[in-house]
Each structure stands twice: as C-alpha cells, then as structure tokens.
Amino acid sequence: MKIGNNGADKAVNGAGTATRTDAAVNATNTGKTGKLEGGPEASAKVTLSGAANGLSTAGVEGSFDSAKVDRIKKAIDDGTYKVNPDAIADKLIANAKELLSRQ
C-alpha cells in the first residue's frame, strides 16, 4: 500500500507513454552508451545536487550493530523475542504523517 500517492506515478500530458526500441532496451541492458543503431546520440547531461550525492553515498559502509543483531537472532531462535505492536503502530503512524506533510 502506498501512502500519499496522489497519482504521481501516472503520466502527465502524455509524458512517459513513448515506447522503447529494441536497440534502446539492449543498450540499457548491456550498459552501452553513446549512439544507438539508427538513433540519435545522447544529448542529456545529468548532474546531481550535493544532497542527492549525499544520499547516494549514505550507508555505503554497511555498518550495523552486529551485537544487537546477534541478540535479536538468539531471542528469535529461543522463542523469547517479543514484538511490541504499540511501538510498531506508533512508528507507522509517524512515518505516514511525515510522508503526508512533505506534499
């Protein structure tokens, strides 16, 4: 279920309705760039903002609390892990409110 999706994934004024050629699909799948057979050369240049660059490199290290993971794994294996449904519900509601406030 998507929260706060007001049709943002739909095409606007026909945008996104074009079909891709086999050459474009093959170039995408093989990672080749440049001039496609019978097609124009790439002309779009994409640059990311500093914030986007920060997000793309966030968590690259993959660091986590391995001791906590081991404790939770052991509790699950032992059958002693307790789920707190109130905490889960509170966090789901907080996330939904945050997503809705961004619009």
C-alpha atoms as a PDB file:
ATOM      1  CA  MET A   1       0.000   0.000   0.000  1.00  0.00           C
ATOM      2  CA  LYS A   2       1.343   3.397  -0.936  1.00  0.00           C
ATOM      3  CA  ILE A   3       0.649   6.235   1.449  1.00  0.00           C
ATOM      4  CA  GLY A   4       0.127   9.670  -0.021  1.00  0.00           C
ATOM      5  CA  ASN A   5       0.356   8.618  -3.666  1.00  0.00           C
ATOM      6  CA  ASN A   6      -1.824  11.106  -5.485  1.00  0.00           C
ATOM      7  CA  GLY A   7      -1.236   9.679  -8.921  1.00  0.00           C
ATOM      8  CA  ALA A   8       2.384  10.847  -9.029  1.00  0.00           C
ATOM      9  CA  ASP A   9       3.333   7.687 -10.882  1.00  0.00           C
ATOM     10  CA  LYS A  10       0.914   8.385 -13.758  1.00  0.00           C
ATOM     11  CA  ALA A  11       1.987  10.050 -16.966  1.00  0.00           C
ATOM     12  CA  VAL A  12       1.270  13.762 -17.224  1.00  0.00           C
ATOM     13  CA  ASN A  13       0.127  15.196 -20.574  1.00  0.00           C
ATOM     14  CA  GLY A  14       1.246  12.071 -22.388  1.00  0.00           C
ATOM     15  CA  ALA A  15       4.731  12.059 -20.848  1.00  0.00           C
ATOM     16  CA  GLY A  16       6.170   8.624 -20.343  1.00  0.00           C
ATOM     17  CA  THR A  17       3.949   6.999 -22.933  1.00  0.00           C
ATOM     18  CA  ALA A  18       6.627   6.551 -25.593  1.00  0.00           C
ATOM     19  CA  THR A  19       7.733   3.038 -26.406  1.00  0.00           C
ATOM     20  CA  ARG A  20      11.372   1.992 -26.389  1.00  0.00           C
ATOM     21  CA  THR A  21      13.058   0.407 -29.354  1.00  0.00           C
ATOM     22  CA  ASP A  22      14.859  -2.901 -29.109  1.00  0.00           C
ATOM     23  CA  ALA A  23      18.160  -1.050 -29.595  1.00  0.00           C
ATOM     24  CA  ALA A  24      17.410   1.215 -26.623  1.00  0.00           C
ATOM     25  CA  VAL A  25      16.475  -1.744 -24.444  1.00  0.00           C
ATOM     26  CA  ASN A  26      19.609  -3.637 -25.469  1.00  0.00           C
ATOM     27  CA  ALA A  27      21.786  -0.599 -24.776  1.00  0.00           C
ATOM     28  CA  THR A  28      20.203  -0.243 -21.357  1.00  0.00           C
ATOM     29  CA  ASN A  29      20.611  -3.915 -20.533  1.00  0.00           C
ATOM     30  CA  THR A  30      24.220  -4.118 -21.712  1.00  0.00           C
ATOM     31  CA  GLY A  31      25.318  -0.813 -20.226  1.00  0.00           C
ATOM     32  CA  LYS A  32      26.492   0.528 -23.601  1.00  0.00           C
ATOM     33  CA  THR A  33      26.156   4.251 -24.097  1.00  0.00           C
ATOM     34  CA  GLY A  34      26.524   6.643 -26.970  1.00  0.00           C
ATOM     35  CA  LYS A  35      24.934   6.388 -30.374  1.00  0.00           C
ATOM     36  CA  LEU A  36      22.374   3.639 -30.764  1.00  0.00           C
ATOM     37  CA  GLU A  37      21.946   1.936 -34.086  1.00  0.00           C
ATOM     38  CA  GLY A  38      19.858   4.248 -36.210  1.00  0.00           C
ATOM     39  CA  GLY A  39      19.195   6.597 -33.286  1.00  0.00           C
ATOM     40  CA  PRO A  40      20.420   9.987 -32.175  1.00  0.00           C
ATOM     41  CA  GLU A  41      23.442  10.492 -29.962  1.00  0.00           C
ATOM     42  CA  ALA A  42      22.841  11.026 -26.263  1.00  0.00           C
ATOM     43  CA  SER A  43      22.399  14.725 -25.572  1.00  0.00           C
ATOM     44  CA  ALA A  44      21.159  14.918 -21.989  1.00  0.00           C
ATOM     45  CA  LYS A  45      23.609  15.654 -19.212  1.00  0.00           C
ATOM     46  CA  VAL A  46      22.516  14.758 -15.702  1.00  0.00           C
ATOM     47  CA  THR A  47      24.104  16.241 -12.600  1.00  0.00           C
ATOM     48  CA  LEU A  48      23.158  15.500  -9.025  1.00  0.00           C
ATOM     49  CA  SER A  49      22.864  18.065  -6.259  1.00  0.00           C
ATOM     50  CA  GLY A  50      25.013  17.841  -3.156  1.00  0.00           C
ATOM     51  CA  ALA A  51      22.044  16.466  -1.222  1.00  0.00           C
ATOM     52  CA  ALA A  52      21.467  13.757  -3.821  1.00  0.00           C
ATOM     53  CA  ASN A  53      25.148  12.834  -3.788  1.00  0.00           C
ATOM     54  CA  GLY A  54      24.994  12.586  -0.010  1.00  0.00           C
ATOM     55  CA  LEU A  55      22.015  10.260  -0.195  1.00  0.00           C
ATOM     56  CA  SER A  56      23.603   8.085  -2.853  1.00  0.00           C
ATOM     57  CA  THR A  57      26.679   7.521  -0.689  1.00  0.00           C
ATOM     58  CA  ALA A  58      24.827   7.233   2.620  1.00  0.00           C
ATOM     59  CA  GLY A  59      25.242   3.842   4.212  1.00  0.00           C
ATOM     60  CA  VAL A  60      27.857   2.687   1.712  1.00  0.00           C
ATOM     61  CA  GLU A  61      29.948   1.294   4.537  1.00  0.00           C
ATOM     62  CA  GLY A  62      27.142  -1.050   5.552  1.00  0.00           C
ATOM     63  CA  SER A  63      27.884  -0.594   9.237  1.00  0.00           C
ATOM     64  CA  PHE A  64      25.463  -2.036  11.768  1.00  0.00           C
ATOM     65  CA  ASP A  65      25.394  -3.173  15.366  1.00  0.00           C
ATOM     66  CA  SER A  66      26.327  -6.841  14.986  1.00  0.00           C
ATOM     67  CA  ALA A  67      25.933  -7.478  18.726  1.00  0.00           C
ATOM     68  CA  LYS A  68      22.321  -6.269  18.556  1.00  0.00           C
ATOM     69  CA  VAL A  69      21.680  -8.442  15.507  1.00  0.00           C
ATOM     70  CA  ASP A  70      23.101 -11.446  17.355  1.00  0.00           C
ATOM     71  CA  ARG A  71      20.926 -10.733  20.436  1.00  0.00           C
ATOM     72  CA  ILE A  72      17.770 -10.456  18.327  1.00  0.00           C
ATOM     73  CA  LYS A  73      18.662 -13.578  16.327  1.00  0.00           C
ATOM     74  CA  LYS A  74      19.224 -15.533  19.542  1.00  0.00           C
ATOM     75  CA  ALA A  75      15.920 -14.306  21.012  1.00  0.00           C
ATOM     76  CA  ILE A  76      14.071 -15.352  17.847  1.00  0.00           C
ATOM     77  CA  ASP A  77      15.776 -18.766  17.855  1.00  0.00           C
ATOM     78  CA  ASP A  78      14.944 -19.225  21.560  1.00  0.00           C
ATOM     79  CA  GLY A  79      11.352 -18.112  21.035  1.00  0.00           C
ATOM     80  CA  THR A  80      11.726 -15.290  23.550  1.00  0.00           C
ATOM     81  CA  TYR A  81      11.599 -12.346  21.121  1.00  0.00           C
ATOM     82  CA  LYS A  82       8.674 -10.073  21.978  1.00  0.00           C
ATOM     83  CA  VAL A  83       7.030  -7.893  19.349  1.00  0.00           C
ATOM     84  CA  ASN A  84       5.722  -4.564  20.648  1.00  0.00           C
ATOM     85  CA  PRO A  85       2.689  -3.823  18.453  1.00  0.00           C
ATOM     86  CA  ASP A  86       2.149  -0.395  20.064  1.00  0.00           C
ATOM     87  CA  ALA A  87       5.665   0.736  19.126  1.00  0.00           C
ATOM     88  CA  ILE A  88       5.219  -0.573  15.575  1.00  0.00           C
ATOM     89  CA  ALA A  89       1.868   1.201  15.203  1.00  0.00           C
ATOM     90  CA  ASP A  90       3.279   4.459  16.586  1.00  0.00           C
ATOM     91  CA  LYS A  91       6.205   4.384  14.158  1.00  0.00           C
ATOM     92  CA  LEU A  92       3.947   3.551  11.191  1.00  0.00           C
ATOM     93  CA  ILE A  93       1.687   6.491  12.035  1.00  0.00           C
ATOM     94  CA  ALA A  94       4.674   8.818  12.492  1.00  0.00           C
ATOM     95  CA  ASN A  95       6.091   7.739   9.106  1.00  0.00           C
ATOM     96  CA  ALA A  96       2.718   8.254   7.414  1.00  0.00           C
ATOM     97  CA  LYS A  97       2.384  11.736   8.941  1.00  0.00           C
ATOM     98  CA  GLU A  98       5.901  12.621   7.787  1.00  0.00           C
ATOM     99  CA  LEU A  99       5.214  11.441   4.242  1.00  0.00           C
ATOM    100  CA  LEU A 100       1.924  13.326   4.085  1.00  0.00           C
ATOM    101  CA  SER A 101       3.468  16.520   5.425  1.00  0.00           C
ATOM    102  CA  ARG A 102       6.021  16.566   2.594  1.00  0.00           C
ATOM    103  CA  GLN A 103       3.306  17.121  -0.013  1.00  0.00           C
END
